[in-house]
Amino acid sequence: MSRKDPKMIAEIMKNNFKGAFANPIVVIVLIGVIILPSLYALLNIQACWDPYGNTGDVPFAIANLDDGASFNDKDINVGKELVKDLKNNDKFKWTFVSEDELRKGVYNGTYYAGIVIPKNLSDNIVSITGDNPQQAKLEYVVNMKTNPVATKLTDSGANAVYTSLNAKIVEIIDIAAYQKLGELQAGLAEGAKKLANGGKQLQAGNAKVQAGANQVKSGESQVKDGAEQVKSGASALNDGADQLKQGSDQLSDGASQVEKGSEELSAAVDPSLIPDGPIKDYAEGNAKLADGSSQVAEGGKQLANGANQLADGGSQLANGTVQVAEGSSKLAEGSVSLASGASLLSNGATNALFAASSSLGSTADTLGGITGIDEDTLGDYFLSPVELERNELFPVNSYGSDVSPFYLVLSMWVGAVITCVMMKPGTSQGTKYSPFEMYFGKLLIYIIMSILQACVTIIGCYLLGIQILNPVLFIASCILVSIIFMILIYSIISAIGTVGKAIGVILLVLQISATGGIYPIQIMHPF
């Protein structure tokens, strides 16, 4: 069983301290070992303190080829406006060159990146107000092998140009939209006016329909009275026609008899045998009577036919007057229905027209209020209609403070590895000490070294200005972590010797990529 004598442990500690301070070279080496880990952390933190705040010296080329365009009877050149804006932008070292110089400069590393503004940029932007809008394009030229971080920085520069261009496009859209809104406002106002006039005309027309219906209704009784009179007259006409027919028939019969008697008399007397005198005159008169009787008979027939036609016409007239009377009643009823329907239609339609007119007028007023808004304010809104409100739970003052936990912890591990490499833990072989006594006898000086390394690093953090919200917890955490790392590395090397040093370095390498100090572990390789 291994011996565990405290006196032996204290003796080993005493000898270690004597050996450390007896040689000045050893003291210098120990001081270097104490300071070196803090330098590793603080220099890396300082280098990353504000990497995006010094991009003003990063060369970024711009080649403007835009020929301009015409918009609202004015010449515009979006490319020149972009160049003007970039000249007032100090985020990058903007250099304005030709297209050939830009491409050559990006290729040979003179510029980290460049943007080519094409000839038709303004034309394509203005086309958004026409029937065939074209998408505006910028050519972003970047040399990916120059520097991996620089390309990410130049991406932000390209986004700055892109944002500025979008602002110009929104401005043009605003102007076009204002014009359309103004036209729409005028059209709505005119439509409201016409609807109001239409309502008034509808009311006037309804009044005329009502008056006409009243006239039709009053004329109905007159039509009925006239129809009755016509009907009575038609009956009298029929009666007279019948009497006329009877008289014409009698006249025709009498004329036929006279004609027959005259013919018999003429046949009995030879006119050549009758001497001149009254008898001869009588014979000639009889002949004329016969002719007249024939004509009277013929006229009687025609009179009878006319009487028949007159009787038929009287019947048709009577029937027609009945239909006229019935039609006048229907017309009166229809006129009343028309007047009633017109009144309902007028009331509903008039109310609807006035309501629509009022609504259009209100909409026109609303559009008038919109068109009265400041264009810059509305443009800013359309450029960014949604504002993302950032709520930081643990705000950090700089990127250096962000990465400080990663580099501080890493420096403590580096300090432990360097200390264990420079100061051999030792072995109990060939000595009077047991492995237990040797382990704990040398452990104290390693713990003291870890505490000193942590203290130097803490002081450097305060001098550098790293954000520390809880100083007591920060100091205690740094010292505790440094002691744990030192004990871990010291124990591995004490247990397995030189192989333990290699294990300590391997663990260091794994910490650099796998601790999630800079990039989230979730995006790392599954290994």
Protein backbone atom coordinates (compact mmCIF):
# COMPACT_ATOMS: atom_id res chain seq x y z
CA MET A 1 0.00 0.00 0.00
CA SER A 2 1.34 3.42 -0.96
CA ARG A 3 2.49 5.64 1.87
CA LYS A 4 0.55 8.88 2.54
CA ASP A 5 2.75 10.85 4.91
CA PRO A 6 1.81 14.56 5.13
CA LYS A 7 5.34 15.43 6.21
CA MET A 8 6.69 14.00 2.99
CA ILE A 9 4.13 15.97 0.99
CA ALA A 10 5.14 19.19 2.79
CA GLU A 11 8.78 18.43 2.18
CA ILE A 12 8.22 18.07 -1.56
CA MET A 13 6.35 21.41 -1.63
CA LYS A 14 9.18 23.14 0.22
CA ASN A 15 11.80 21.79 -2.14
CA ASN A 16 9.78 22.88 -5.20
CA PHE A 17 9.50 26.48 -3.98
CA LYS A 18 13.20 26.62 -3.10
CA GLY A 19 14.15 25.34 -6.53
CA ALA A 20 11.83 27.80 -8.28
CA PHE A 21 13.15 30.95 -6.64
CA ALA A 22 16.79 29.91 -6.37
CA ASN A 23 17.42 30.30 -10.11
CA PRO A 24 16.54 33.66 -11.79
CA ILE A 25 16.14 31.92 -15.15
CA VAL A 26 13.49 29.71 -13.67
CA VAL A 27 11.73 32.74 -12.21
CA ILE A 28 11.68 34.44 -15.61
CA VAL A 29 10.34 31.29 -17.24
CA LEU A 30 7.61 31.03 -14.61
CA ILE A 31 6.64 34.67 -15.11
CA GLY A 32 6.44 34.03 -18.86
CA VAL A 33 4.28 30.97 -18.27
CA ILE A 34 1.99 33.04 -16.05
CA ILE A 35 1.62 35.90 -18.56
CA LEU A 36 1.53 33.97 -21.85
CA PRO A 37 -2.01 32.51 -21.53
CA SER A 38 -3.47 35.94 -20.82
CA LEU A 39 -1.74 37.35 -23.91
CA TYR A 40 -3.28 34.58 -26.00
CA ALA A 41 -6.75 35.54 -24.77
CA LEU A 42 -6.45 39.32 -24.69
CA LEU A 43 -4.78 39.72 -28.09
CA ASN A 44 -7.45 37.61 -29.79
CA ILE A 45 -10.23 39.49 -28.01
CA GLN A 46 -8.71 42.84 -28.98
CA ALA A 47 -8.42 41.71 -32.61
CA CYS A 48 -12.11 40.80 -32.64
CA TRP A 49 -13.25 43.80 -30.61
CA ASP A 50 -15.07 45.62 -33.42
CA PRO A 51 -14.27 43.95 -36.76
CA TYR A 52 -17.15 45.69 -38.55
CA GLY A 53 -16.19 49.12 -37.28
CA ASN A 54 -13.01 49.32 -39.36
CA THR A 55 -14.41 48.45 -42.76
CA GLY A 56 -13.80 52.01 -43.96
CA ASP A 57 -10.37 50.92 -45.22
CA VAL A 58 -11.67 47.92 -47.18
CA PRO A 59 -11.43 48.82 -50.92
CA PHE A 60 -14.72 48.40 -52.79
CA ALA A 61 -14.98 49.34 -56.49
CA ILE A 62 -18.02 50.88 -58.22
CA ALA A 63 -18.45 51.16 -62.01
CA ASN A 64 -21.41 53.31 -63.09
CA LEU A 65 -22.55 52.72 -66.69
CA ASP A 66 -26.13 53.99 -66.28
CA ASP A 67 -27.34 56.12 -69.22
CA GLY A 68 -30.33 57.53 -67.33
CA ALA A 69 -33.99 57.72 -68.32
CA SER A 70 -36.98 60.08 -68.50
CA PHE A 71 -39.66 60.07 -65.81
CA ASN A 72 -42.52 62.57 -65.52
CA ASP A 73 -40.89 64.74 -68.19
CA LYS A 74 -37.69 64.86 -66.16
CA ASP A 75 -34.30 63.24 -66.77
CA ILE A 76 -33.18 60.94 -63.97
CA ASN A 77 -30.04 58.87 -63.51
CA VAL A 78 -30.33 56.40 -60.66
CA GLY A 79 -26.72 55.31 -61.13
CA LYS A 80 -25.41 58.81 -60.49
CA GLU A 81 -27.65 59.15 -57.45
CA LEU A 82 -26.27 55.87 -56.08
CA VAL A 83 -22.71 57.08 -56.61
CA LYS A 84 -23.57 60.34 -54.83
CA ASP A 85 -24.98 58.44 -51.87
CA LEU A 86 -21.95 56.14 -51.67
CA LYS A 87 -19.57 59.09 -51.62
CA ASN A 88 -21.22 60.10 -48.36
CA ASN A 89 -20.98 56.54 -47.01
CA ASP A 90 -17.87 55.76 -44.96
CA LYS A 91 -18.60 52.08 -44.36
CA PHE A 92 -16.13 51.08 -47.10
CA LYS A 93 -13.36 52.65 -49.12
CA TRP A 94 -15.48 53.24 -52.20
CA THR A 95 -13.48 53.63 -55.41
CA PHE A 96 -15.25 54.75 -58.59
CA VAL A 97 -13.61 53.27 -61.68
CA SER A 98 -14.43 51.96 -65.15
CA GLU A 99 -15.81 48.48 -65.71
CA ASP A 100 -12.47 47.14 -66.99
CA GLU A 101 -10.56 48.57 -64.03
CA LEU A 102 -13.10 47.07 -61.65
CA ARG A 103 -12.84 43.57 -63.10
CA LYS A 104 -9.04 43.65 -63.23
CA GLY A 105 -8.79 45.09 -59.72
CA VAL A 106 -11.06 42.45 -58.19
CA TYR A 107 -9.18 39.72 -60.06
CA ASN A 108 -5.70 40.78 -58.86
CA GLY A 109 -6.81 41.63 -55.32
CA THR A 110 -6.67 45.43 -55.56
CA TYR A 111 -10.34 45.48 -54.58
CA TYR A 112 -12.05 42.89 -52.46
CA ALA A 113 -15.26 43.30 -54.46
CA GLY A 114 -17.06 45.59 -56.89
CA ILE A 115 -20.49 46.46 -58.25
CA VAL A 116 -21.22 47.18 -61.92
CA ILE A 117 -24.22 49.47 -62.47
CA PRO A 118 -25.61 48.56 -65.95
CA LYS A 119 -26.57 51.00 -68.71
CA ASN A 120 -30.30 50.25 -68.52
CA LEU A 121 -30.66 50.53 -64.75
CA SER A 122 -32.75 53.73 -64.82
CA ASP A 123 -34.84 52.48 -67.77
CA ASN A 124 -35.69 49.26 -65.96
CA ILE A 125 -36.58 51.09 -62.76
CA VAL A 126 -38.83 53.59 -64.55
CA SER A 127 -40.52 50.74 -66.46
CA ILE A 128 -42.32 49.80 -63.26
CA THR A 129 -44.78 52.62 -63.99
CA GLY A 130 -45.58 51.21 -67.45
CA ASP A 131 -47.28 48.14 -68.87
CA ASN A 132 -44.09 46.06 -69.17
CA PRO A 133 -42.01 46.47 -65.99
CA GLN A 134 -38.45 45.12 -66.10
CA GLN A 135 -36.42 43.99 -63.12
CA ALA A 136 -33.42 46.19 -62.37
CA LYS A 137 -30.15 44.31 -61.84
CA LEU A 138 -26.74 45.08 -60.37
CA GLU A 139 -23.67 42.92 -60.99
CA TYR A 140 -21.78 42.08 -57.80
CA VAL A 141 -18.22 40.95 -58.55
CA VAL A 142 -16.29 39.38 -55.64
CA ASN A 143 -12.99 37.51 -55.35
CA MET A 144 -13.77 34.61 -53.01
CA LYS A 145 -10.14 33.52 -52.49
CA THR A 146 -8.80 36.90 -51.34
CA ASN A 147 -10.00 36.57 -47.75
CA PRO A 148 -12.85 34.50 -46.26
CA VAL A 149 -13.95 37.24 -43.85
CA ALA A 150 -13.50 40.08 -46.34
CA THR A 151 -16.06 38.53 -48.68
CA LYS A 152 -18.59 38.52 -45.85
CA LEU A 153 -17.83 42.17 -45.19
CA THR A 154 -18.20 43.11 -48.85
CA ASP A 155 -21.54 41.31 -48.86
CA SER A 156 -22.73 43.91 -46.38
CA GLY A 157 -21.41 46.61 -48.73
CA ALA A 158 -23.38 45.11 -51.60
CA ASN A 159 -26.45 45.08 -49.37
CA ALA A 160 -25.89 48.78 -48.65
CA VAL A 161 -25.97 49.54 -52.38
CA TYR A 162 -28.97 47.27 -52.78
CA THR A 163 -30.82 49.07 -49.98
CA SER A 164 -30.03 52.47 -51.47
CA LEU A 165 -31.30 51.30 -54.87
CA ASN A 166 -34.50 49.98 -53.33
CA ALA A 167 -35.03 53.38 -51.73
CA LYS A 168 -34.81 55.01 -55.17
CA ILE A 169 -37.27 52.50 -56.60
CA VAL A 170 -39.71 53.10 -53.75
CA GLU A 171 -39.43 56.84 -54.37
CA ILE A 172 -40.39 56.38 -58.03
CA ILE A 173 -43.25 54.07 -57.08
CA ASP A 174 -44.47 56.64 -54.56
CA ILE A 175 -44.61 59.35 -57.20
CA ALA A 176 -46.51 57.10 -59.63
CA ALA A 177 -48.86 55.93 -56.88
CA TYR A 178 -49.58 59.52 -55.85
CA GLN A 179 -50.54 60.35 -59.41
CA LYS A 180 -52.86 57.35 -59.65
CA LEU A 181 -54.39 58.12 -56.27
CA GLY A 182 -55.01 61.70 -57.36
CA GLU A 183 -56.73 60.51 -60.53
CA LEU A 184 -58.78 58.02 -58.55
CA GLN A 185 -59.78 60.69 -56.05
CA ALA A 186 -60.97 62.99 -58.85
CA GLY A 187 -62.89 60.12 -60.48
CA LEU A 188 -64.59 59.17 -57.23
CA ALA A 189 -65.57 62.76 -56.53
CA GLU A 190 -67.03 63.09 -60.04
CA GLY A 191 -68.84 59.76 -59.65
CA ALA A 192 -70.33 60.87 -56.33
CA LYS A 193 -71.57 64.06 -57.99
CA LYS A 194 -73.16 62.11 -60.86
CA LEU A 195 -74.84 59.69 -58.46
CA ALA A 196 -76.31 62.61 -56.52
CA ASN A 197 -77.61 64.16 -59.76
CA GLY A 198 -79.03 60.79 -60.79
CA GLY A 199 -80.92 60.55 -57.50
CA LYS A 200 -82.45 63.97 -58.08
CA GLN A 201 -83.42 63.06 -61.67
CA LEU A 202 -84.96 59.82 -60.44
CA GLN A 203 -87.06 61.74 -57.94
CA ALA A 204 -88.20 64.15 -60.68
CA GLY A 205 -89.06 61.25 -63.00
CA ASN A 206 -91.05 59.56 -60.27
CA ALA A 207 -93.11 62.73 -59.83
CA LYS A 208 -93.88 62.75 -63.57
CA VAL A 209 -94.88 59.07 -63.45
CA GLN A 210 -97.24 59.79 -60.56
CA ALA A 211 -98.81 62.73 -62.44
CA GLY A 212 -99.23 60.64 -65.61
CA ALA A 213 -100.82 57.82 -63.63
CA ASN A 214 -103.33 60.25 -62.14
CA GLN A 215 -104.18 61.57 -65.63
CA VAL A 216 -104.64 58.02 -66.93
CA LYS A 217 -106.89 57.19 -64.01
CA SER A 218 -109.06 60.29 -64.53
CA GLY A 219 -109.24 59.61 -68.28
CA GLU A 220 -110.46 56.08 -67.58
CA SER A 221 -113.98 57.29 -66.60
CA GLN A 222 -114.18 59.50 -69.69
CA VAL A 223 -113.20 56.57 -71.88
CA LYS A 224 -115.85 54.41 -70.23
CA ASP A 225 -118.56 57.09 -70.74
CA GLY A 226 -117.59 57.56 -74.37
CA ALA A 227 -117.56 53.81 -74.86
CA GLU A 228 -121.12 53.56 -73.48
CA GLN A 229 -122.28 56.35 -75.80
CA VAL A 230 -120.63 54.68 -78.76
CA LYS A 231 -122.18 51.40 -77.75
CA SER A 232 -125.67 53.03 -77.57
CA GLY A 233 -125.11 54.75 -80.91
CA ALA A 234 -124.00 51.47 -82.41
CA SER A 235 -127.25 49.84 -81.26
CA ALA A 236 -129.31 52.66 -82.77
CA LEU A 237 -127.26 52.35 -85.93
CA ASN A 238 -128.02 48.66 -86.09
CA ASP A 239 -131.75 49.34 -85.68
CA GLY A 240 -131.73 52.05 -88.38
CA ALA A 241 -129.76 49.77 -90.67
CA ASP A 242 -132.39 47.05 -90.23
CA GLN A 243 -135.23 49.51 -91.01
CA LEU A 244 -133.32 50.84 -93.99
CA LYS A 245 -132.83 47.32 -95.23
CA GLN A 246 -136.55 46.59 -94.91
CA GLY A 247 -137.48 49.83 -96.74
CA SER A 248 -134.96 49.17 -99.48
CA ASP A 249 -136.36 45.67 -99.90
CA GLN A 250 -139.91 47.07 -100.21
CA LEU A 251 -138.75 49.76 -102.60
CA SER A 252 -136.96 47.18 -104.69
CA ASP A 253 -140.05 44.98 -104.79
CA GLY A 254 -142.32 47.92 -105.79
CA ALA A 255 -139.91 49.02 -108.47
CA SER A 256 -139.84 45.49 -109.81
CA GLN A 257 -143.63 45.41 -110.00
CA VAL A 258 -143.79 48.79 -111.76
CA GLU A 259 -141.13 47.64 -114.15
CA LYS A 260 -143.08 44.47 -114.86
CA GLY A 261 -146.36 46.38 -115.43
CA SER A 262 -144.64 48.83 -117.73
CA GLU A 263 -143.20 46.02 -119.75
CA GLU A 264 -146.61 44.36 -120.09
CA LEU A 265 -148.16 47.66 -121.17
CA SER A 266 -145.43 48.31 -123.67
CA ALA A 267 -145.90 44.85 -125.10
CA ALA A 268 -149.65 45.42 -125.53
CA VAL A 269 -149.30 48.70 -127.46
CA ASP A 270 -147.45 49.08 -130.71
CA PRO A 271 -145.90 52.52 -130.65
CA SER A 272 -146.03 52.78 -134.45
CA LEU A 273 -149.81 52.42 -134.44
CA ILE A 274 -150.39 55.07 -131.89
CA PRO A 275 -151.04 58.47 -133.33
CA ASP A 276 -149.37 61.52 -132.05
CA GLY A 277 -151.10 62.92 -129.08
CA PRO A 278 -151.58 62.19 -125.39
CA ILE A 279 -151.69 58.45 -125.83
CA LYS A 280 -148.37 58.38 -127.54
CA ASP A 281 -146.89 60.58 -124.83
CA TYR A 282 -148.30 58.18 -122.30
CA ALA A 283 -146.70 55.24 -124.03
CA GLU A 284 -143.34 56.96 -124.06
CA GLY A 285 -143.75 57.88 -120.40
CA ASN A 286 -144.56 54.28 -119.63
CA ALA A 287 -141.32 53.23 -121.29
CA LYS A 288 -139.38 55.74 -119.21
CA LEU A 289 -141.20 54.53 -116.14
CA ALA A 290 -140.11 51.02 -116.86
CA ASP A 291 -136.51 52.14 -117.18
CA GLY A 292 -136.72 54.18 -113.97
CA SER A 293 -138.33 51.30 -112.14
CA SER A 294 -135.47 49.08 -113.20
CA GLN A 295 -132.95 51.59 -111.89
CA VAL A 296 -134.89 52.00 -108.65
CA ALA A 297 -134.94 48.25 -108.17
CA GLU A 298 -131.19 48.07 -108.76
CA GLY A 299 -130.61 50.97 -106.32
CA GLY A 300 -132.79 49.25 -103.76
CA LYS A 301 -130.61 46.18 -103.92
CA GLN A 302 -127.48 48.28 -103.47
CA LEU A 303 -129.14 50.12 -100.58
CA ALA A 304 -129.99 46.79 -98.96
CA ASN A 305 -126.37 45.62 -99.30
CA GLY A 306 -125.16 48.91 -97.81
CA ALA A 307 -127.63 48.52 -94.95
CA ASN A 308 -126.24 45.05 -94.26
CA GLN A 309 -122.67 46.39 -94.23
CA LEU A 310 -123.79 49.27 -92.01
CA ALA A 311 -125.35 46.81 -89.59
CA ASP A 312 -122.17 44.70 -89.54
CA GLY A 313 -120.04 47.83 -88.94
CA GLY A 314 -122.32 48.86 -86.10
CA SER A 315 -121.84 45.46 -84.46
CA GLN A 316 -118.07 45.71 -84.85
CA LEU A 317 -118.18 49.25 -83.48
CA ALA A 318 -120.13 48.04 -80.46
CA ASN A 319 -117.67 45.21 -79.86
CA GLY A 320 -114.74 47.62 -80.28
CA THR A 321 -116.19 50.04 -77.75
CA VAL A 322 -116.48 47.19 -75.24
CA GLN A 323 -112.81 46.29 -75.80
CA VAL A 324 -111.85 49.96 -75.50
CA ALA A 325 -113.67 50.17 -72.19
CA GLU A 326 -111.99 47.00 -70.91
CA GLY A 327 -108.59 48.21 -72.14
CA SER A 328 -109.05 51.56 -70.45
CA SER A 329 -109.77 49.77 -67.15
CA LYS A 330 -106.61 47.67 -67.50
CA LEU A 331 -104.65 50.77 -68.46
CA ALA A 332 -105.88 52.53 -65.35
CA GLU A 333 -104.99 49.55 -63.17
CA GLY A 334 -101.55 49.31 -64.82
CA SER A 335 -100.94 53.01 -64.35
CA VAL A 336 -101.72 52.69 -60.63
CA SER A 337 -99.32 49.73 -60.33
CA LEU A 338 -96.73 51.64 -62.33
CA ALA A 339 -97.07 54.66 -60.07
CA SER A 340 -96.81 52.48 -56.95
CA GLY A 341 -93.79 50.57 -58.31
CA ALA A 342 -92.16 53.77 -59.47
CA SER A 343 -92.61 55.23 -56.02
CA LEU A 344 -91.01 52.19 -54.35
CA LEU A 345 -88.23 52.09 -56.94
CA SER A 346 -87.64 55.79 -56.62
CA ASN A 347 -87.46 55.68 -52.84
CA GLY A 348 -85.11 52.65 -52.76
CA ALA A 349 -82.97 53.69 -55.70
CA THR A 350 -82.78 57.29 -54.55
CA ASN A 351 -81.68 56.25 -51.08
CA ALA A 352 -79.17 53.83 -52.58
CA LEU A 353 -77.82 56.46 -54.96
CA PHE A 354 -77.49 59.04 -52.22
CA ALA A 355 -75.82 56.45 -49.94
CA ALA A 356 -73.42 55.45 -52.72
CA SER A 357 -72.74 59.09 -53.46
CA SER A 358 -71.99 59.73 -49.80
CA SER A 359 -69.73 56.65 -49.64
CA LEU A 360 -67.82 57.68 -52.76
CA GLY A 361 -67.49 61.19 -51.41
CA SER A 362 -66.13 59.84 -48.13
CA THR A 363 -63.69 57.59 -50.01
CA ALA A 364 -62.57 60.53 -52.12
CA ASP A 365 -61.99 62.54 -48.94
CA THR A 366 -60.00 59.64 -47.49
CA LEU A 367 -57.85 59.45 -50.62
CA GLY A 368 -57.43 63.18 -50.39
CA GLY A 369 -56.10 62.70 -46.88
CA ILE A 370 -53.70 59.99 -48.09
CA THR A 371 -52.38 62.10 -50.92
CA GLY A 372 -51.79 64.86 -48.40
CA ILE A 373 -49.29 62.73 -46.43
CA ASP A 374 -45.64 63.70 -46.73
CA GLU A 375 -44.01 61.71 -49.54
CA ASP A 376 -40.80 61.07 -47.59
CA THR A 377 -42.78 59.67 -44.66
CA LEU A 378 -44.83 57.40 -46.91
CA GLY A 379 -41.69 56.39 -48.82
CA ASP A 380 -39.96 55.37 -45.60
CA TYR A 381 -43.01 53.31 -44.70
CA PHE A 382 -43.11 51.44 -48.02
CA LEU A 383 -39.34 50.88 -47.87
CA SER A 384 -39.75 49.17 -44.51
CA PRO A 385 -43.45 48.55 -43.75
CA VAL A 386 -42.61 46.24 -40.84
CA GLU A 387 -40.24 47.26 -38.09
CA LEU A 388 -38.48 44.48 -36.21
CA GLU A 389 -38.14 45.44 -32.57
CA ARG A 390 -35.04 43.84 -31.06
CA ASN A 391 -35.36 42.68 -27.47
CA GLU A 392 -31.96 41.66 -26.11
CA LEU A 393 -32.11 39.55 -22.97
CA PHE A 394 -28.39 39.85 -22.22
CA PRO A 395 -27.09 42.84 -24.20
CA VAL A 396 -23.36 42.92 -24.96
CA ASN A 397 -21.45 46.13 -25.65
CA SER A 398 -19.09 44.77 -28.31
CA TYR A 399 -18.18 41.77 -30.38
CA GLY A 400 -14.99 41.47 -28.32
CA SER A 401 -17.05 40.95 -25.17
CA ASP A 402 -19.11 38.43 -27.14
CA VAL A 403 -16.12 36.19 -27.92
CA SER A 404 -14.25 36.76 -24.65
CA PRO A 405 -15.72 33.67 -22.88
CA PHE A 406 -14.41 31.46 -25.66
CA TYR A 407 -10.88 32.89 -25.65
CA LEU A 408 -10.67 33.17 -21.85
CA VAL A 409 -11.55 29.53 -21.26
CA LEU A 410 -9.27 28.46 -24.09
CA SER A 411 -6.38 30.49 -22.66
CA MET A 412 -6.79 28.79 -19.29
CA TRP A 413 -6.50 25.40 -20.94
CA VAL A 414 -3.48 26.59 -22.92
CA GLY A 415 -1.94 27.88 -19.68
CA ALA A 416 -2.44 24.53 -18.00
CA VAL A 417 -0.85 22.64 -20.91
CA ILE A 418 2.13 25.04 -21.12
CA THR A 419 2.69 24.90 -17.36
CA CYS A 420 2.64 21.10 -17.28
CA VAL A 421 5.00 20.93 -20.25
CA MET A 422 7.46 23.49 -18.87
CA MET A 423 7.31 22.15 -15.29
CA LYS A 424 7.54 18.37 -15.27
CA PRO A 425 5.18 16.80 -12.75
CA GLY A 426 7.94 14.31 -11.87
CA THR A 427 7.90 10.69 -10.78
CA SER A 428 8.43 8.87 -7.55
CA GLN A 429 10.73 6.32 -9.08
CA GLY A 430 14.23 6.44 -7.60
CA THR A 431 13.08 8.67 -4.74
CA LYS A 432 12.03 8.09 -1.19
CA TYR A 433 8.57 9.39 -1.89
CA SER A 434 5.52 7.38 -2.78
CA PRO A 435 3.46 8.20 -5.90
CA PHE A 436 0.71 9.64 -3.68
CA GLU A 437 3.15 11.89 -1.86
CA MET A 438 4.79 12.98 -5.10
CA TYR A 439 1.42 13.79 -6.72
CA PHE A 440 0.11 15.98 -3.92
CA GLY A 441 3.52 17.40 -3.06
CA LYS A 442 3.91 18.94 -6.54
CA LEU A 443 0.19 19.78 -7.05
CA LEU A 444 0.25 22.92 -4.92
CA ILE A 445 2.73 24.80 -7.10
CA TYR A 446 0.63 23.98 -10.18
CA ILE A 447 -2.52 25.25 -8.47
CA ILE A 448 -0.72 28.46 -7.50
CA MET A 449 0.43 28.88 -11.12
CA SER A 450 -3.15 28.45 -12.37
CA ILE A 451 -4.42 31.06 -9.90
CA LEU A 452 -1.72 33.53 -10.96
CA GLN A 453 -2.52 32.93 -14.64
CA ALA A 454 -6.23 33.55 -13.95
CA CYS A 455 -5.47 36.74 -12.01
CA VAL A 456 -3.32 38.17 -14.80
CA THR A 457 -6.04 37.36 -17.31
CA ILE A 458 -8.71 38.98 -15.13
CA ILE A 459 -6.66 42.17 -14.80
CA GLY A 460 -6.18 42.23 -18.58
CA CYS A 461 -9.95 41.90 -19.11
CA TYR A 462 -10.60 44.95 -16.95
CA LEU A 463 -7.90 46.94 -18.72
CA LEU A 464 -9.30 45.95 -22.11
CA GLY A 465 -12.82 47.01 -21.11
CA ILE A 466 -14.58 43.69 -21.45
CA GLN A 467 -18.17 43.88 -20.24
CA ILE A 468 -18.42 42.28 -16.77
CA LEU A 469 -21.81 42.44 -15.06
CA ASN A 470 -20.90 40.51 -11.89
CA PRO A 471 -17.22 41.02 -10.96
CA VAL A 472 -17.23 38.64 -7.98
CA LEU A 473 -18.79 35.80 -9.94
CA PHE A 474 -16.49 36.50 -12.90
CA ILE A 475 -13.31 36.40 -10.79
CA ALA A 476 -14.40 33.29 -8.90
CA SER A 477 -15.36 31.51 -12.13
CA CYS A 478 -12.04 32.32 -13.82
CA ILE A 479 -9.99 31.09 -10.86
CA LEU A 480 -12.09 27.96 -10.40
CA VAL A 481 -11.98 27.00 -14.09
CA SER A 482 -8.23 27.62 -14.24
CA ILE A 483 -7.63 25.39 -11.19
CA ILE A 484 -9.81 22.60 -12.58
CA PHE A 485 -8.04 22.66 -15.95
CA MET A 486 -4.65 22.62 -14.26
CA ILE A 487 -5.55 19.67 -12.01
CA LEU A 488 -6.97 17.77 -14.99
CA ILE A 489 -3.88 18.19 -17.20
CA TYR A 490 -1.51 17.65 -14.25
CA SER A 491 -3.31 14.44 -13.32
CA ILE A 492 -3.24 13.04 -16.86
CA ILE A 493 0.47 13.73 -17.31
CA SER A 494 1.28 12.42 -13.82
CA ALA A 495 -0.62 9.22 -14.56
CA ILE A 496 0.58 8.34 -18.07
CA GLY A 497 3.59 10.58 -18.63
CA THR A 498 4.42 12.03 -22.04
CA VAL A 499 1.31 10.57 -23.66
CA GLY A 500 -0.71 12.75 -21.29
CA LYS A 501 0.82 15.86 -22.88
CA ALA A 502 -0.42 14.74 -26.28
CA ILE A 503 -3.86 14.10 -24.87
CA GLY A 504 -3.89 17.60 -23.41
CA VAL A 505 -3.07 19.11 -26.82
CA ILE A 506 -5.72 16.98 -28.53
CA LEU A 507 -8.33 18.14 -26.05
CA LEU A 508 -7.22 21.72 -26.75
CA VAL A 509 -7.78 21.27 -30.48
CA LEU A 510 -11.20 19.76 -29.90
CA GLN A 511 -12.20 22.68 -27.70
CA ILE A 512 -11.38 25.21 -30.41
CA SER A 513 -13.95 23.77 -32.81
CA ALA A 514 -16.44 21.98 -30.61
CA THR A 515 -17.20 24.20 -27.60
CA GLY A 516 -19.66 26.47 -29.43
CA GLY A 517 -17.81 29.57 -28.35
CA ILE A 518 -18.20 31.29 -31.74
CA TYR A 519 -20.44 29.13 -33.94
CA PRO A 520 -23.44 27.19 -32.60
CA ILE A 521 -22.76 23.51 -32.03
CA GLN A 522 -25.84 22.69 -34.12
CA ILE A 523 -24.13 23.85 -37.32
CA MET A 524 -20.95 21.89 -36.65
CA HIS A 525 -20.07 18.58 -38.25
CA PRO A 526 -21.69 15.62 -36.47
CA PHE A 527 -18.21 14.47 -35.35
